Amino acid sequence: MMKKIYYNKVIRDRVADKMSRNGVKFLVKKLSKKTFEKALVLKVAEEASGVVNAKNREELVQELADLLVVIDEVKRVKKISPLELKRTYRENMAKKGGFSKKLWLVWSEDSGYKTNEKT
């Protein structure tokens, strides 16, 4: 008997089909809309970690493509229009700028600024 690995994560549509074709035993369940949306947002972090851990350019391209698929699905289920995203993108660029200066923040006084990163 093969050892079971518990993933407990959302998977793409064709993954279960591929496992079936390969004779792999598995259990999937259909998620409610609300649970799916939560799992999908967690999937963004999973795919982003794949980008971080890419070992070469080819892997990086693959991981970025996977991340874009998940982001596109998040936009679809959360009904985020291209116009809304583009407008917010422009606002963020005007407010925060891009990365052309290649700046690395070493430290700062505690000004109350809240970052997305976990510390």
N, C-alpha and C. Protein backbone atom coordinates (compact mmCIF):
# COMPACT_ATOMS: atom_id res chain seq x y z
N MET A 1 0.84 -1.19 0.00
CA MET A 1 0.00 0.00 0.00
C MET A 1 0.88 1.25 0.00
N MET A 2 0.54 2.19 -0.86
CA MET A 2 1.30 3.44 -0.97
C MET A 2 0.97 4.38 0.19
N LYS A 3 1.97 5.14 0.60
CA LYS A 3 1.79 6.13 1.65
C LYS A 3 0.96 7.30 1.11
N LYS A 4 0.06 7.82 1.92
CA LYS A 4 -0.77 8.96 1.53
C LYS A 4 -0.06 10.26 1.90
N ILE A 5 -0.15 11.23 1.00
CA ILE A 5 0.35 12.57 1.27
C ILE A 5 -0.87 13.49 1.29
N TYR A 6 -1.06 14.21 2.37
CA TYR A 6 -2.20 15.11 2.50
C TYR A 6 -1.81 16.50 2.04
N TYR A 7 -2.45 16.97 0.98
CA TYR A 7 -2.13 18.28 0.41
C TYR A 7 -3.08 19.37 0.93
N ASN A 8 -4.37 19.07 0.99
CA ASN A 8 -5.36 20.04 1.45
C ASN A 8 -5.17 21.41 0.78
N LYS A 9 -5.26 21.41 -0.54
CA LYS A 9 -5.12 22.64 -1.30
C LYS A 9 -5.96 22.55 -2.56
N VAL A 10 -6.29 23.70 -3.12
CA VAL A 10 -7.03 23.75 -4.37
C VAL A 10 -6.09 23.31 -5.50
N ILE A 11 -6.63 22.55 -6.44
CA ILE A 11 -5.84 22.11 -7.59
C ILE A 11 -6.52 22.54 -8.88
N ARG A 12 -5.73 22.57 -9.94
CA ARG A 12 -6.27 22.93 -11.25
C ARG A 12 -7.09 21.78 -11.81
N ASP A 13 -7.98 22.11 -12.74
CA ASP A 13 -8.99 21.17 -13.25
C ASP A 13 -8.43 19.86 -13.80
N ARG A 14 -7.33 19.90 -14.49
CA ARG A 14 -6.83 18.69 -15.15
C ARG A 14 -5.92 17.82 -14.30
N VAL A 15 -5.58 18.28 -13.11
CA VAL A 15 -4.68 17.51 -12.24
C VAL A 15 -5.30 16.18 -11.83
N ALA A 16 -6.57 16.19 -11.42
CA ALA A 16 -7.25 14.96 -11.01
C ALA A 16 -7.36 13.99 -12.19
N ASP A 17 -7.65 14.51 -13.39
CA ASP A 17 -7.72 13.66 -14.58
C ASP A 17 -6.39 12.97 -14.84
N LYS A 18 -5.32 13.73 -14.71
CA LYS A 18 -3.98 13.17 -14.95
C LYS A 18 -3.66 12.08 -13.93
N MET A 19 -4.01 12.32 -12.66
CA MET A 19 -3.77 11.31 -11.64
C MET A 19 -4.57 10.05 -11.94
N SER A 20 -5.81 10.20 -12.37
CA SER A 20 -6.65 9.04 -12.73
C SER A 20 -6.01 8.25 -13.86
N ARG A 21 -5.57 8.95 -14.90
CA ARG A 21 -4.94 8.27 -16.04
C ARG A 21 -3.69 7.52 -15.63
N ASN A 22 -3.00 8.04 -14.62
CA ASN A 22 -1.76 7.41 -14.15
C ASN A 22 -2.00 6.35 -13.07
N GLY A 23 -3.27 6.07 -12.77
CA GLY A 23 -3.60 5.04 -11.80
C GLY A 23 -3.34 5.43 -10.35
N VAL A 24 -3.24 6.71 -10.10
CA VAL A 24 -2.99 7.20 -8.74
C VAL A 24 -4.32 7.27 -7.98
N LYS A 25 -4.33 6.73 -6.78
CA LYS A 25 -5.52 6.84 -5.94
C LYS A 25 -5.47 8.17 -5.22
N PHE A 26 -6.63 8.82 -5.11
CA PHE A 26 -6.69 10.14 -4.49
C PHE A 26 -8.12 10.45 -4.08
N LEU A 27 -8.27 11.49 -3.30
CA LEU A 27 -9.59 11.96 -2.90
C LEU A 27 -9.64 13.46 -3.15
N VAL A 28 -10.65 13.89 -3.90
CA VAL A 28 -10.91 15.31 -4.10
C VAL A 28 -12.33 15.59 -3.65
N LYS A 29 -12.58 16.84 -3.32
CA LYS A 29 -13.95 17.24 -3.01
C LYS A 29 -14.22 18.57 -3.67
N LYS A 30 -15.46 18.80 -3.97
CA LYS A 30 -15.87 20.06 -4.58
C LYS A 30 -16.10 21.07 -3.46
N LEU A 31 -15.54 22.25 -3.63
CA LEU A 31 -15.65 23.28 -2.61
C LEU A 31 -16.84 24.20 -2.86
N SER A 32 -17.35 24.74 -1.79
CA SER A 32 -18.36 25.78 -1.93
C SER A 32 -17.69 27.02 -2.51
N LYS A 33 -18.50 27.93 -3.00
CA LYS A 33 -17.96 29.15 -3.59
C LYS A 33 -17.09 29.91 -2.59
N LYS A 34 -17.58 30.07 -1.39
CA LYS A 34 -16.85 30.83 -0.36
C LYS A 34 -15.54 30.14 0.00
N THR A 35 -15.56 28.84 0.20
CA THR A 35 -14.35 28.09 0.55
C THR A 35 -13.36 28.11 -0.61
N PHE A 36 -13.88 27.98 -1.85
CA PHE A 36 -13.02 28.02 -3.02
C PHE A 36 -12.29 29.36 -3.11
N GLU A 37 -13.01 30.45 -2.89
CA GLU A 37 -12.39 31.77 -2.97
C GLU A 37 -11.28 31.92 -1.94
N LYS A 38 -11.49 31.43 -0.73
CA LYS A 38 -10.44 31.48 0.30
C LYS A 38 -9.24 30.63 -0.11
N ALA A 39 -9.52 29.43 -0.61
CA ALA A 39 -8.43 28.52 -1.02
C ALA A 39 -7.65 29.10 -2.20
N LEU A 40 -8.34 29.78 -3.08
CA LEU A 40 -7.71 30.36 -4.25
C LEU A 40 -6.74 31.47 -3.86
N VAL A 41 -7.12 32.28 -2.89
CA VAL A 41 -6.23 33.33 -2.42
C VAL A 41 -4.98 32.71 -1.77
N LEU A 42 -5.16 31.61 -1.04
CA LEU A 42 -4.00 30.91 -0.49
C LEU A 42 -3.11 30.34 -1.60
N LYS A 43 -3.72 29.96 -2.71
CA LYS A 43 -2.98 29.42 -3.84
C LYS A 43 -2.04 30.47 -4.43
N VAL A 44 -2.41 31.74 -4.34
CA VAL A 44 -1.54 32.81 -4.82
C VAL A 44 -0.21 32.75 -4.06
N ALA A 45 -0.28 32.59 -2.75
CA ALA A 45 0.94 32.51 -1.94
C ALA A 45 1.76 31.28 -2.31
N GLU A 46 1.09 30.15 -2.53
CA GLU A 46 1.79 28.93 -2.92
C GLU A 46 2.53 29.12 -4.24
N GLU A 47 1.85 29.68 -5.22
CA GLU A 47 2.48 29.89 -6.52
C GLU A 47 3.58 30.95 -6.43
N ALA A 48 3.38 31.98 -5.61
CA ALA A 48 4.42 33.00 -5.43
C ALA A 48 5.68 32.39 -4.81
N SER A 49 5.51 31.43 -3.91
CA SER A 49 6.69 30.77 -3.33
C SER A 49 7.42 29.96 -4.40
N GLY A 50 6.68 29.45 -5.38
CA GLY A 50 7.33 28.78 -6.51
C GLY A 50 8.20 29.74 -7.30
N VAL A 51 7.74 30.98 -7.46
CA VAL A 51 8.53 32.00 -8.14
C VAL A 51 9.80 32.26 -7.35
N VAL A 52 9.67 32.42 -6.05
CA VAL A 52 10.82 32.68 -5.18
C VAL A 52 11.85 31.55 -5.26
N ASN A 53 11.38 30.33 -5.35
CA ASN A 53 12.28 29.16 -5.31
C ASN A 53 12.73 28.67 -6.69
N ALA A 54 12.36 29.36 -7.75
CA ALA A 54 12.79 28.95 -9.09
C ALA A 54 14.31 28.96 -9.17
N LYS A 55 14.86 27.91 -9.76
CA LYS A 55 16.31 27.75 -9.80
C LYS A 55 16.96 28.26 -11.07
N ASN A 56 16.16 28.50 -12.10
CA ASN A 56 16.71 29.02 -13.35
C ASN A 56 15.61 29.77 -14.09
N ARG A 57 15.97 30.34 -15.22
CA ARG A 57 15.02 31.16 -15.98
C ARG A 57 13.82 30.35 -16.45
N GLU A 58 14.04 29.14 -16.91
CA GLU A 58 12.94 28.29 -17.38
C GLU A 58 11.93 28.01 -16.27
N GLU A 59 12.44 27.66 -15.08
CA GLU A 59 11.54 27.44 -13.94
C GLU A 59 10.82 28.73 -13.57
N LEU A 60 11.53 29.85 -13.63
CA LEU A 60 10.93 31.14 -13.30
C LEU A 60 9.76 31.44 -14.23
N VAL A 61 9.95 31.22 -15.52
CA VAL A 61 8.88 31.47 -16.49
C VAL A 61 7.68 30.56 -16.20
N GLN A 62 7.95 29.27 -15.90
CA GLN A 62 6.87 28.34 -15.58
C GLN A 62 6.10 28.79 -14.34
N GLU A 63 6.82 29.18 -13.30
CA GLU A 63 6.18 29.59 -12.05
C GLU A 63 5.41 30.89 -12.21
N LEU A 64 5.96 31.83 -12.98
CA LEU A 64 5.23 33.07 -13.24
C LEU A 64 3.94 32.80 -14.00
N ALA A 65 4.00 31.88 -14.98
CA ALA A 65 2.80 31.52 -15.73
C ALA A 65 1.76 30.91 -14.81
N ASP A 66 2.18 30.01 -13.90
CA ASP A 66 1.25 29.41 -12.94
C ASP A 66 0.63 30.49 -12.05
N LEU A 67 1.45 31.43 -11.61
CA LEU A 67 0.95 32.52 -10.77
C LEU A 67 -0.09 33.36 -11.51
N LEU A 68 0.17 33.63 -12.79
CA LEU A 68 -0.78 34.41 -13.58
C LEU A 68 -2.12 33.69 -13.75
N VAL A 69 -2.08 32.36 -13.89
CA VAL A 69 -3.32 31.59 -14.00
C VAL A 69 -4.16 31.77 -12.73
N VAL A 70 -3.51 31.69 -11.59
CA VAL A 70 -4.22 31.83 -10.32
C VAL A 70 -4.74 33.26 -10.16
N ILE A 71 -3.91 34.24 -10.49
CA ILE A 71 -4.34 35.63 -10.40
C ILE A 71 -5.54 35.89 -11.31
N ASP A 72 -5.50 35.35 -12.52
CA ASP A 72 -6.63 35.51 -13.44
C ASP A 72 -7.91 34.91 -12.85
N GLU A 73 -7.78 33.76 -12.19
CA GLU A 73 -8.96 33.13 -11.59
C GLU A 73 -9.47 33.95 -10.40
N VAL A 74 -8.57 34.50 -9.60
CA VAL A 74 -8.98 35.36 -8.49
C VAL A 74 -9.74 36.56 -9.05
N LYS A 75 -9.23 37.16 -10.11
CA LYS A 75 -9.92 38.31 -10.72
C LYS A 75 -11.31 37.90 -11.20
N ARG A 76 -11.41 36.71 -11.78
CA ARG A 76 -12.70 36.25 -12.30
C ARG A 76 -13.70 36.03 -11.17
N VAL A 77 -13.32 35.27 -10.14
CA VAL A 77 -14.29 34.94 -9.08
C VAL A 77 -14.62 36.14 -8.20
N LYS A 78 -13.70 37.06 -8.07
CA LYS A 78 -13.96 38.26 -7.27
C LYS A 78 -14.52 39.40 -8.11
N LYS A 79 -14.75 39.11 -9.40
CA LYS A 79 -15.33 40.09 -10.33
C LYS A 79 -14.55 41.41 -10.36
N ILE A 80 -13.24 41.28 -10.52
CA ILE A 80 -12.36 42.45 -10.62
C ILE A 80 -12.16 42.71 -12.12
N SER A 81 -12.65 43.84 -12.58
CA SER A 81 -12.60 44.14 -14.01
C SER A 81 -11.19 44.59 -14.40
N PRO A 82 -10.84 44.40 -15.68
CA PRO A 82 -9.55 44.91 -16.16
C PRO A 82 -9.41 46.41 -15.94
N LEU A 83 -10.51 47.14 -16.12
CA LEU A 83 -10.49 48.59 -15.92
C LEU A 83 -10.19 48.95 -14.46
N GLU A 84 -10.86 48.26 -13.54
CA GLU A 84 -10.63 48.51 -12.10
C GLU A 84 -9.19 48.21 -11.73
N LEU A 85 -8.66 47.11 -12.23
CA LEU A 85 -7.28 46.73 -11.91
C LEU A 85 -6.29 47.72 -12.52
N LYS A 86 -6.53 48.12 -13.75
CA LYS A 86 -5.64 49.07 -14.42
C LYS A 86 -5.64 50.42 -13.70
N ARG A 87 -6.82 50.87 -13.29
CA ARG A 87 -6.93 52.15 -12.58
C ARG A 87 -6.15 52.08 -11.25
N THR A 88 -6.34 51.00 -10.52
CA THR A 88 -5.66 50.84 -9.23
C THR A 88 -4.16 50.69 -9.43
N TYR A 89 -3.76 50.00 -10.48
CA TYR A 89 -2.34 49.85 -10.83
C TYR A 89 -1.72 51.23 -11.04
N ARG A 90 -2.39 52.07 -11.84
CA ARG A 90 -1.88 53.42 -12.12
C ARG A 90 -1.81 54.24 -10.83
N GLU A 91 -2.83 54.13 -9.99
CA GLU A 91 -2.84 54.87 -8.72
C GLU A 91 -1.66 54.43 -7.83
N ASN A 92 -1.45 53.12 -7.76
CA ASN A 92 -0.34 52.60 -6.95
C ASN A 92 1.02 53.04 -7.50
N MET A 93 1.15 53.04 -8.82
CA MET A 93 2.41 53.48 -9.42
C MET A 93 2.65 54.96 -9.13
N ALA A 94 1.60 55.77 -9.21
CA ALA A 94 1.74 57.20 -8.93
C ALA A 94 2.09 57.44 -7.46
N LYS A 95 1.49 56.66 -6.58
CA LYS A 95 1.68 56.85 -5.14
C LYS A 95 3.00 56.23 -4.65
N LYS A 96 3.31 55.01 -5.11
CA LYS A 96 4.45 54.26 -4.58
C LYS A 96 5.63 54.17 -5.55
N GLY A 97 5.36 54.34 -6.84
CA GLY A 97 6.40 54.20 -7.85
C GLY A 97 6.62 52.73 -8.19
N GLY A 98 7.63 52.50 -9.03
CA GLY A 98 7.98 51.13 -9.45
C GLY A 98 9.24 50.67 -8.74
N PHE A 99 10.11 50.01 -9.48
CA PHE A 99 11.33 49.47 -8.90
C PHE A 99 12.58 49.84 -9.69
N SER A 100 12.48 50.86 -10.54
CA SER A 100 13.60 51.20 -11.42
C SER A 100 14.84 51.66 -10.66
N LYS A 101 14.70 52.19 -9.46
CA LYS A 101 15.85 52.68 -8.68
C LYS A 101 16.57 51.55 -7.94
N LYS A 102 15.98 50.36 -7.91
CA LYS A 102 16.59 49.17 -7.28
C LYS A 102 16.96 49.43 -5.81
N LEU A 103 16.04 50.01 -5.06
CA LEU A 103 16.30 50.36 -3.66
C LEU A 103 16.03 49.20 -2.72
N TRP A 104 16.85 49.06 -1.68
CA TRP A 104 16.71 48.03 -0.64
C TRP A 104 16.62 48.74 0.69
N LEU A 105 15.50 48.63 1.39
CA LEU A 105 15.33 49.28 2.68
C LEU A 105 15.98 48.42 3.76
N VAL A 106 17.01 48.94 4.39
CA VAL A 106 17.70 48.21 5.44
C VAL A 106 16.97 48.39 6.77
N TRP A 107 16.62 49.63 7.12
CA TRP A 107 15.87 49.87 8.34
C TRP A 107 15.14 51.20 8.24
N SER A 108 14.24 51.41 9.18
CA SER A 108 13.48 52.65 9.25
C SER A 108 12.97 52.82 10.67
N GLU A 109 12.76 54.03 11.07
CA GLU A 109 12.08 54.27 12.33
C GLU A 109 10.66 53.77 12.20
N ASP A 110 10.04 53.41 13.32
CA ASP A 110 8.66 52.96 13.30
C ASP A 110 7.75 54.16 13.11
N SER A 111 7.25 54.30 11.88
CA SER A 111 6.39 55.44 11.55
C SER A 111 4.92 55.06 11.52
N GLY A 112 4.63 53.80 11.85
CA GLY A 112 3.26 53.32 11.79
C GLY A 112 2.89 52.73 10.44
N TYR A 113 3.83 52.75 9.49
CA TYR A 113 3.57 52.19 8.16
C TYR A 113 3.34 50.70 8.28
N LYS A 114 2.31 50.22 7.60
CA LYS A 114 1.98 48.79 7.62
C LYS A 114 2.40 48.16 6.29
N THR A 115 3.18 47.11 6.37
CA THR A 115 3.64 46.40 5.19
C THR A 115 2.87 45.10 5.04
N ASN A 116 2.87 44.53 3.84
CA ASN A 116 2.21 43.25 3.59
C ASN A 116 3.01 42.06 4.10
N GLU A 117 4.32 42.25 4.24
CA GLU A 117 5.16 41.13 4.62
C GLU A 117 4.92 40.75 6.08
N LYS A 118 5.11 39.46 6.33
CA LYS A 118 5.04 38.98 7.71
C LYS A 118 6.42 39.16 8.33
N THR A 119 6.45 39.60 9.58
CA THR A 119 7.74 39.80 10.24
C THR A 119 8.01 38.74 11.26
